[in-house]
C-alpha atoms as a PDB file:
ATOM      1  CA  MET A   1       0.000   0.000   0.000  1.00  0.00           C
ATOM      2  CA  SER A   2       1.477   3.344  -1.023  1.00  0.00           C
ATOM      3  CA  LYS A   3       2.013   6.068   1.575  1.00  0.00           C
ATOM      4  CA  VAL A   4      -0.269   9.095   1.593  1.00  0.00           C
ATOM      5  CA  LYS A   5       1.430  12.058  -0.066  1.00  0.00           C
ATOM      6  CA  PHE A   6       1.225  15.259   1.952  1.00  0.00           C
ATOM      7  CA  PRO A   7       1.623  18.716   0.427  1.00  0.00           C
ATOM      8  CA  PRO A   8       4.757  20.653   1.515  1.00  0.00           C
ATOM      9  CA  PRO A   9       4.098  22.234   4.935  1.00  0.00           C
ATOM     10  CA  LEU A  10       5.556  25.607   3.854  1.00  0.00           C
ATOM     11  CA  SER A  11       5.237  27.522   0.597  1.00  0.00           C
ATOM     12  CA  GLU A  12       8.232  28.535  -1.522  1.00  0.00           C
ATOM     13  CA  ALA A  13       8.068  32.071  -0.104  1.00  0.00           C
ATOM     14  CA  GLU A  14       7.765  30.801   3.495  1.00  0.00           C
ATOM     15  CA  ILE A  15      10.751  28.445   3.338  1.00  0.00           C
ATOM     16  CA  GLN A  16      12.928  31.036   1.585  1.00  0.00           C
ATOM     17  CA  ALA A  17      11.948  33.636   4.218  1.00  0.00           C
ATOM     18  CA  ARG A  18      13.419  31.304   6.868  1.00  0.00           C
ATOM     19  CA  LEU A  19      16.857  31.349   5.226  1.00  0.00           C
ATOM     20  CA  LEU A  20      19.435  32.821   7.625  1.00  0.00           C
ATOM     21  CA  TYR A  21      22.595  32.244   5.561  1.00  0.00           C
ATOM     22  CA  ARG A  22      23.516  31.157   2.045  1.00  0.00           C
ATOM     23  CA  ASP A  23      26.766  30.654   0.163  1.00  0.00           C
ATOM     24  CA  GLY A  24      28.039  28.238  -2.489  1.00  0.00           C
ATOM     25  CA  LEU A  25      28.449  25.374  -0.004  1.00  0.00           C
ATOM     26  CA  ILE A  26      25.837  25.667   2.712  1.00  0.00           C
ATOM     27  CA  LEU A  27      22.478  27.057   3.753  1.00  0.00           C
ATOM     28  CA  VAL A  28      21.354  27.733   7.325  1.00  0.00           C
ATOM     29  CA  LEU A  29      17.615  27.663   7.948  1.00  0.00           C
ATOM     30  CA  ASP A  30      15.570  28.886  10.898  1.00  0.00           C
ATOM     31  CA  LYS A  31      13.637  25.664  11.472  1.00  0.00           C
ATOM     32  CA  PRO A  32      10.103  26.149  12.825  1.00  0.00           C
ATOM     33  CA  ALA A  33       9.145  24.271  15.982  1.00  0.00           C
ATOM     34  CA  GLY A  34       6.694  21.398  15.602  1.00  0.00           C
ATOM     35  CA  LEU A  35       7.846  20.274  12.154  1.00  0.00           C
ATOM     36  CA  PRO A  36      10.060  17.185  11.650  1.00  0.00           C
ATOM     37  CA  VAL A  37      13.105  17.665   9.435  1.00  0.00           C
ATOM     38  CA  HIS A  38      12.340  14.462   7.509  1.00  0.00           C
ATOM     39  CA  ALA A  39       9.529  11.929   7.193  1.00  0.00           C
ATOM     40  CA  GLY A  40       9.296   9.307   9.914  1.00  0.00           C
ATOM     41  CA  PRO A  41       8.192   5.677   9.376  1.00  0.00           C
ATOM     42  CA  GLY A  42       4.583   6.822   9.049  1.00  0.00           C
ATOM     43  CA  GLY A  43       5.345   9.641   6.620  1.00  0.00           C
ATOM     44  CA  GLY A  44       3.714  13.016   7.213  1.00  0.00           C
ATOM     45  CA  PRO A  45       4.600  16.644   6.441  1.00  0.00           C
ATOM     46  CA  ASN A  46       8.288  17.472   6.918  1.00  0.00           C
ATOM     47  CA  LEU A  47      10.865  20.146   6.115  1.00  0.00           C
ATOM     48  CA  GLU A  48      12.665  18.095   3.438  1.00  0.00           C
ATOM     49  CA  GLN A  49       9.580  18.428   1.227  1.00  0.00           C
ATOM     50  CA  CYS A  50      10.458  22.123   0.816  1.00  0.00           C
ATOM     51  CA  PHE A  51      14.132  21.686  -0.106  1.00  0.00           C
ATOM     52  CA  ASP A  52      13.488  21.726  -3.849  1.00  0.00           C
ATOM     53  CA  TRP A  53      12.738  25.452  -3.455  1.00  0.00           C
ATOM     54  CA  LEU A  54      16.232  25.977  -1.996  1.00  0.00           C
ATOM     55  CA  ARG A  55      18.273  24.838  -5.009  1.00  0.00           C
ATOM     56  CA  PHE A  56      18.970  28.426  -6.196  1.00  0.00           C
ATOM     57  CA  GLY A  57      20.192  27.240  -9.593  1.00  0.00           C
ATOM     58  CA  LEU A  58      21.897  24.017  -8.546  1.00  0.00           C
ATOM     59  CA  PRO A  59      20.773  20.739 -10.190  1.00  0.00           C
ATOM     60  CA  ALA A  60      19.803  19.038  -6.911  1.00  0.00           C
ATOM     61  CA  PRO A  61      18.163  20.269  -3.694  1.00  0.00           C
ATOM     62  CA  PRO A  62      20.283  20.698  -0.548  1.00  0.00           C
ATOM     63  CA  ALA A  63      20.353  17.971   2.104  1.00  0.00           C
ATOM     64  CA  LEU A  64      20.478  17.820   5.901  1.00  0.00           C
ATOM     65  CA  ALA A  65      23.944  18.036   7.454  1.00  0.00           C
ATOM     66  CA  HIS A  66      22.539  17.198  10.921  1.00  0.00           C
ATOM     67  CA  ARG A  67      19.171  16.880  12.683  1.00  0.00           C
ATOM     68  CA  LEU A  68      17.014  18.860  15.070  1.00  0.00           C
ATOM     69  CA  ASP A  69      14.120  17.333  17.022  1.00  0.00           C
ATOM     70  CA  ARG A  70      10.637  18.012  15.667  1.00  0.00           C
ATOM     71  CA  ASP A  71       9.792  20.392  18.531  1.00  0.00           C
ATOM     72  CA  THR A  72      13.137  22.243  18.533  1.00  0.00           C
ATOM     73  CA  SER A  73      13.401  25.484  16.564  1.00  0.00           C
ATOM     74  CA  GLY A  74      16.371  27.373  15.180  1.00  0.00           C
ATOM     75  CA  CYS A  75      19.593  26.954  13.208  1.00  0.00           C
ATOM     76  CA  LEU A  76      19.565  23.959  10.852  1.00  0.00           C
ATOM     77  CA  VAL A  77      22.557  23.462   8.529  1.00  0.00           C
ATOM     78  CA  LEU A  78      22.132  22.100   4.985  1.00  0.00           C
ATOM     79  CA  GLY A  79      24.806  21.120   2.490  1.00  0.00           C
ATOM     80  CA  ARG A  80      24.158  22.291  -1.079  1.00  0.00           C
ATOM     81  CA  HIS A  81      25.935  19.390  -2.815  1.00  0.00           C
ATOM     82  CA  ARG A  82      27.779  16.141  -2.069  1.00  0.00           C
ATOM     83  CA  LYS A  83      31.206  17.730  -1.515  1.00  0.00           C
ATOM     84  CA  ALA A  84      29.745  20.264   0.932  1.00  0.00           C
ATOM     85  CA  LEU A  85      27.869  17.540   2.828  1.00  0.00           C
ATOM     86  CA  SER A  86      31.049  15.482   3.108  1.00  0.00           C
ATOM     87  CA  LYS A  87      32.934  18.463   4.541  1.00  0.00           C
ATOM     88  CA  LEU A  88      30.135  19.292   6.994  1.00  0.00           C
ATOM     89  CA  GLY A  89      29.975  15.632   8.045  1.00  0.00           C
ATOM     90  CA  ARG A  90      33.680  15.662   8.929  1.00  0.00           C
ATOM     91  CA  LEU A  91      33.327  18.935  10.877  1.00  0.00           C
ATOM     92  CA  PHE A  92      30.314  17.679  12.866  1.00  0.00           C
ATOM     93  CA  GLN A  93      32.019  14.325  13.520  1.00  0.00           C
ATOM     94  CA  ALA A  94      35.142  16.059  14.824  1.00  0.00           C
ATOM     95  CA  GLY A  95      33.110  18.380  17.072  1.00  0.00           C
ATOM     96  CA  GLN A  96      34.430  21.436  15.241  1.00  0.00           C
ATOM     97  CA  ILE A  97      31.014  23.030  14.677  1.00  0.00           C
ATOM     98  CA  ASP A  98      30.069  25.100  17.707  1.00  0.00           C
ATOM     99  CA  LYS A  99      26.350  24.760  18.537  1.00  0.00           C
ATOM    100  CA  THR A 100      24.549  26.978  21.049  1.00  0.00           C
ATOM    101  CA  TYR A 101      21.051  26.297  22.372  1.00  0.00           C
ATOM    102  CA  TRP A 102      18.730  28.418  24.481  1.00  0.00           C
ATOM    103  CA  ALA A 103      16.289  26.699  26.816  1.00  0.00           C
ATOM    104  CA  VAL A 104      13.808  27.857  29.422  1.00  0.00           C
ATOM    105  CA  VAL A 105      13.859  25.314  32.233  1.00  0.00           C
ATOM    106  CA  VAL A 106      11.716  24.778  35.314  1.00  0.00           C
ATOM    107  CA  GLY A 107      13.800  25.293  38.427  1.00  0.00           C
ATOM    108  CA  ALA A 108      17.550  25.905  38.194  1.00  0.00           C
ATOM    109  CA  PRO A 109      20.769  23.919  37.722  1.00  0.00           C
ATOM    110  CA  PRO A 110      23.068  23.396  40.743  1.00  0.00           C
ATOM    111  CA  ALA A 111      25.438  26.218  39.690  1.00  0.00           C
ATOM    112  CA  THR A 112      25.286  29.317  37.474  1.00  0.00           C
ATOM    113  CA  GLU A 113      27.589  27.571  35.014  1.00  0.00           C
ATOM    114  CA  GLY A 114      29.074  24.139  34.644  1.00  0.00           C
ATOM    115  CA  ARG A 115      29.379  20.989  32.598  1.00  0.00           C
ATOM    116  CA  ILE A 116      27.396  17.781  32.747  1.00  0.00           C
ATOM    117  CA  GLU A 117      28.831  14.510  31.495  1.00  0.00           C
ATOM    118  CA  ALA A 118      26.241  11.723  31.429  1.00  0.00           C
ATOM    119  CA  PRO A 119      26.331   8.853  28.892  1.00  0.00           C
ATOM    120  CA  LEU A 120      23.106   8.260  26.978  1.00  0.00           C
ATOM    121  CA  LEU A 121      21.527   4.940  25.948  1.00  0.00           C
ATOM    122  CA  LYS A 122      18.504   4.449  23.694  1.00  0.00           C
ATOM    123  CA  THR A 123      15.893   2.142  25.266  1.00  0.00           C
ATOM    124  CA  THR A 124      12.545   0.718  24.129  1.00  0.00           C
ATOM    125  CA  ARG A 125       9.415   1.674  26.064  1.00  0.00           C
ATOM    126  CA  LYS A 126       6.555  -0.708  26.913  1.00  0.00           C
ATOM    127  CA  ASP A 127       4.330   1.044  24.347  1.00  0.00           C
ATOM    128  CA  GLY A 128       6.827   0.248  21.566  1.00  0.00           C
ATOM    129  CA  GLY A 129       8.292   3.760  21.462  1.00  0.00           C
ATOM    130  CA  TRP A 130      11.760   4.697  22.663  1.00  0.00           C
ATOM    131  CA  ARG A 131      13.533   7.146  24.948  1.00  0.00           C
ATOM    132  CA  MET A 132      17.067   8.029  25.972  1.00  0.00           C
ATOM    133  CA  ILE A 133      18.298   7.254  29.484  1.00  0.00           C
ATOM    134  CA  VAL A 134      21.464   8.059  31.403  1.00  0.00           C
ATOM    135  CA  ASP A 135      23.368   4.761  31.587  1.00  0.00           C
ATOM    136  CA  PRO A 136      27.070   3.894  31.995  1.00  0.00           C
ATOM    137  CA  LYS A 137      26.709   1.556  28.992  1.00  0.00           C
ATOM    138  CA  GLY A 138      25.533   4.433  26.787  1.00  0.00           C
ATOM    139  CA  GLN A 139      27.460   6.730  24.448  1.00  0.00           C
ATOM    140  CA  LYS A 140      29.581   9.478  25.947  1.00  0.00           C
ATOM    141  CA  ALA A 141      27.678  12.781  26.118  1.00  0.00           C
ATOM    142  CA  ALA A 142      28.735  16.132  27.566  1.00  0.00           C
ATOM    143  CA  THR A 143      27.061  19.544  27.658  1.00  0.00           C
ATOM    144  CA  GLN A 144      28.274  22.888  28.967  1.00  0.00           C
ATOM    145  CA  TYR A 145      25.649  25.185  30.488  1.00  0.00           C
ATOM    146  CA  ARG A 146      25.412  28.788  31.691  1.00  0.00           C
ATOM    147  CA  VAL A 147      22.558  30.698  33.349  1.00  0.00           C
ATOM    148  CA  LEU A 148      21.581  33.803  31.352  1.00  0.00           C
ATOM    149  CA  GLY A 149      18.653  34.882  33.536  1.00  0.00           C
ATOM    150  CA  SER A 150      15.836  33.709  35.803  1.00  0.00           C
ATOM    151  CA  GLY A 151      12.428  34.657  37.180  1.00  0.00           C
ATOM    152  CA  ASP A 152       9.125  33.183  38.409  1.00  0.00           C
ATOM    153  CA  GLY A 153      10.653  29.753  39.026  1.00  0.00           C
ATOM    154  CA  LEU A 154      12.104  29.561  35.500  1.00  0.00           C
ATOM    155  CA  THR A 155      15.716  29.776  34.305  1.00  0.00           C
ATOM    156  CA  TRP A 156      17.041  30.829  30.899  1.00  0.00           C
ATOM    157  CA  LEU A 157      19.990  28.600  30.004  1.00  0.00           C
ATOM    158  CA  GLU A 158      22.633  28.725  27.307  1.00  0.00           C
ATOM    159  CA  LEU A 159      23.698  25.167  26.445  1.00  0.00           C
ATOM    160  CA  LYS A 160      26.645  24.018  24.352  1.00  0.00           C
ATOM    161  CA  PRO A 161      26.626  20.291  23.578  1.00  0.00           C
ATOM    162  CA  GLU A 162      30.126  18.894  23.084  1.00  0.00           C
ATOM    163  CA  THR A 163      28.659  15.721  21.556  1.00  0.00           C
ATOM    164  CA  GLY A 164      25.640  15.266  19.304  1.00  0.00           C
ATOM    165  CA  ARG A 165      23.556  12.514  20.900  1.00  0.00           C
ATOM    166  CA  THR A 166      19.817  12.159  20.329  1.00  0.00           C
ATOM    167  CA  HIS A 167      17.799  14.220  22.873  1.00  0.00           C
ATOM    168  CA  GLN A 168      21.090  15.111  24.602  1.00  0.00           C
ATOM    169  CA  VAL A 169      20.240  18.640  25.752  1.00  0.00           C
ATOM    170  CA  ARG A 170      16.765  17.572  26.873  1.00  0.00           C
ATOM    171  CA  VAL A 171      17.997  14.613  28.961  1.00  0.00           C
ATOM    172  CA  HIS A 172      20.925  16.567  30.427  1.00  0.00           C
ATOM    173  CA  CYS A 173      18.654  19.407  31.589  1.00  0.00           C
ATOM    174  CA  ALA A 174      16.404  16.868  33.320  1.00  0.00           C
ATOM    175  CA  GLU A 175      19.472  15.201  34.854  1.00  0.00           C
ATOM    176  CA  LEU A 176      20.539  18.597  36.257  1.00  0.00           C
ATOM    177  CA  GLY A 177      17.177  18.765  38.041  1.00  0.00           C
ATOM    178  CA  CYS A 178      15.707  21.444  35.776  1.00  0.00           C
ATOM    179  CA  PRO A 179      13.681  19.915  32.911  1.00  0.00           C
ATOM    180  CA  ILE A 180      12.854  22.076  29.905  1.00  0.00           C
ATOM    181  CA  LEU A 181       9.472  23.810  29.977  1.00  0.00           C
ATOM    182  CA  GLY A 182       7.129  21.818  27.712  1.00  0.00           C
ATOM    183  CA  GLU A 183       9.307  18.684  27.881  1.00  0.00           C
ATOM    184  CA  PRO A 184       7.019  15.704  27.097  1.00  0.00           C
ATOM    185  CA  MET A 185       9.325  12.862  28.195  1.00  0.00           C
ATOM    186  CA  TYR A 186      12.134  13.767  30.566  1.00  0.00           C
ATOM    187  CA  GLY A 187      12.062  15.088  34.128  1.00  0.00           C
ATOM    188  CA  GLU A 188       9.327  15.931  36.632  1.00  0.00           C
ATOM    189  CA  LEU A 189       6.947  18.643  35.417  1.00  0.00           C
ATOM    190  CA  ALA A 190       3.455  19.708  36.446  1.00  0.00           C
ATOM    191  CA  PRO A 191       0.785  18.836  33.847  1.00  0.00           C
ATOM    192  CA  GLU A 192       0.340  22.479  32.781  1.00  0.00           C
ATOM    193  CA  GLN A 193       4.119  22.844  32.327  1.00  0.00           C
ATOM    194  CA  ARG A 194       4.289  19.664  30.244  1.00  0.00           C
ATOM    195  CA  LYS A 195       1.416  20.731  27.960  1.00  0.00           C
ATOM    196  CA  GLN A 196       3.273  23.817  26.723  1.00  0.00           C
ATOM    197  CA  PRO A 197       5.371  23.765  23.517  1.00  0.00           C
ATOM    198  CA  LEU A 198       8.978  22.694  24.085  1.00  0.00           C
ATOM    199  CA  HIS A 199      11.073  25.719  25.072  1.00  0.00           C
ATOM    200  CA  LEU A 200      14.284  24.657  23.301  1.00  0.00           C
ATOM    201  CA  HIS A 201      15.878  26.701  20.520  1.00  0.00           C
ATOM    202  CA  ALA A 202      19.025  26.158  18.445  1.00  0.00           C
ATOM    203  CA  ARG A 203      20.242  29.721  18.937  1.00  0.00           C
ATOM    204  CA  GLY A 204      23.441  29.662  16.894  1.00  0.00           C
ATOM    205  CA  VAL A 205      26.078  27.779  14.939  1.00  0.00           C
ATOM    206  CA  VAL A 206      29.697  28.629  14.147  1.00  0.00           C
ATOM    207  CA  ILE A 207      31.065  26.695  11.165  1.00  0.00           C
ATOM    208  CA  PRO A 208      34.802  26.792  10.256  1.00  0.00           C
ATOM    209  CA  LEU A 209      34.283  26.169   6.539  1.00  0.00           C
ATOM    210  CA  SER A 210      37.560  27.651   5.268  1.00  0.00           C
ATOM    211  CA  LYS A 211      41.080  27.856   6.698  1.00  0.00           C
ATOM    212  CA  ASN A 212      41.565  31.229   5.010  1.00  0.00           C
ATOM    213  CA  LYS A 213      38.327  32.924   6.083  1.00  0.00           C
ATOM    214  CA  PRO A 214      36.617  33.597   9.421  1.00  0.00           C
ATOM    215  CA  PRO A 215      34.102  30.926  10.484  1.00  0.00           C
ATOM    216  CA  VAL A 216      30.498  31.309   9.358  1.00  0.00           C
ATOM    217  CA  ALA A 217      28.536  32.455  12.440  1.00  0.00           C
ATOM    218  CA  VAL A 218      24.731  32.414  12.298  1.00  0.00           C
ATOM    219  CA  THR A 219      22.079  33.114  14.962  1.00  0.00           C
ATOM    220  CA  ALA A 220      18.312  32.633  14.972  1.00  0.00           C
ATOM    221  CA  GLU A 221      15.884  34.766  16.972  1.00  0.00           C
ATOM    222  CA  PRO A 222      13.803  32.811  19.531  1.00  0.00           C
ATOM    223  CA  PRO A 223      10.383  31.634  18.330  1.00  0.00           C
ATOM    224  CA  GLU A 224       7.188  33.371  19.379  1.00  0.00           C
ATOM    225  CA  HIS A 225       6.144  30.625  21.813  1.00  0.00           C
ATOM    226  CA  MET A 226       9.327  31.079  23.908  1.00  0.00           C
ATOM    227  CA  ARG A 227       9.331  34.862  24.178  1.00  0.00           C
ATOM    228  CA  THR A 228       6.975  35.290  27.144  1.00  0.00           C
ATOM    229  CA  ALA A 229       8.941  32.829  29.314  1.00  0.00           C
ATOM    230  CA  LEU A 230      12.272  34.306  28.157  1.00  0.00           C
ATOM    231  CA  ALA A 231      11.063  37.816  29.056  1.00  0.00           C
ATOM    232  CA  ARG A 232      10.164  36.583  32.544  1.00  0.00           C
ATOM    233  CA  CYS A 233      13.812  35.495  32.833  1.00  0.00           C
ATOM    234  CA  GLY A 234      15.206  38.876  31.689  1.00  0.00           C
ATOM    235  CA  TRP A 235      15.410  38.547  27.900  1.00  0.00           C
ATOM    236  CA  HIS A 236      14.325  41.577  25.908  1.00  0.00           C
END
């Protein structure tokens, strides 16, 4: 049985308006929250459906250089052709691409800045789904964090993952005792806090593409759904 074909979730104008950076090798998009970057096993609308509108004269559409969770917004890096994707793959693998996230968390971490190292293991849930857990048998995972502001029981964190594990930032925040506002899986949250959209944003990337030029540095403004909570923590 063939899968149902969904129309692209964004129009040509909408996806091009989300372009933060473009050169001959890469594109950086401001990914909207709530939209998967690619189709899952069941199909459904996804960002890759819009990539044909980002060719800008090249014979093939760009492709994902990394992933962001469906509910995470912000900087998403695409390679414009095979050579660019290969280069980006090496940079991500070597940890040479600097990624910065903003999160609004419930509660506060144990210090105003620090580093958490907690290995992550993918496990199967009873309902057939999966989740990541902190387990010595898991893959090494480390995240640096810094408090940028706080208010009304919330804290605005800057997070810099040193590794790129699935759900890493989300699990590490919960492990620090301050789960992300709107987090559906990890940490203890009140029902009304869990029902909110996930307050996690890929704020910026720094990509050392060329030895002879400064790194490409791109930032994305926080999405609308995070701005009220960020303002309560001092953002303006």
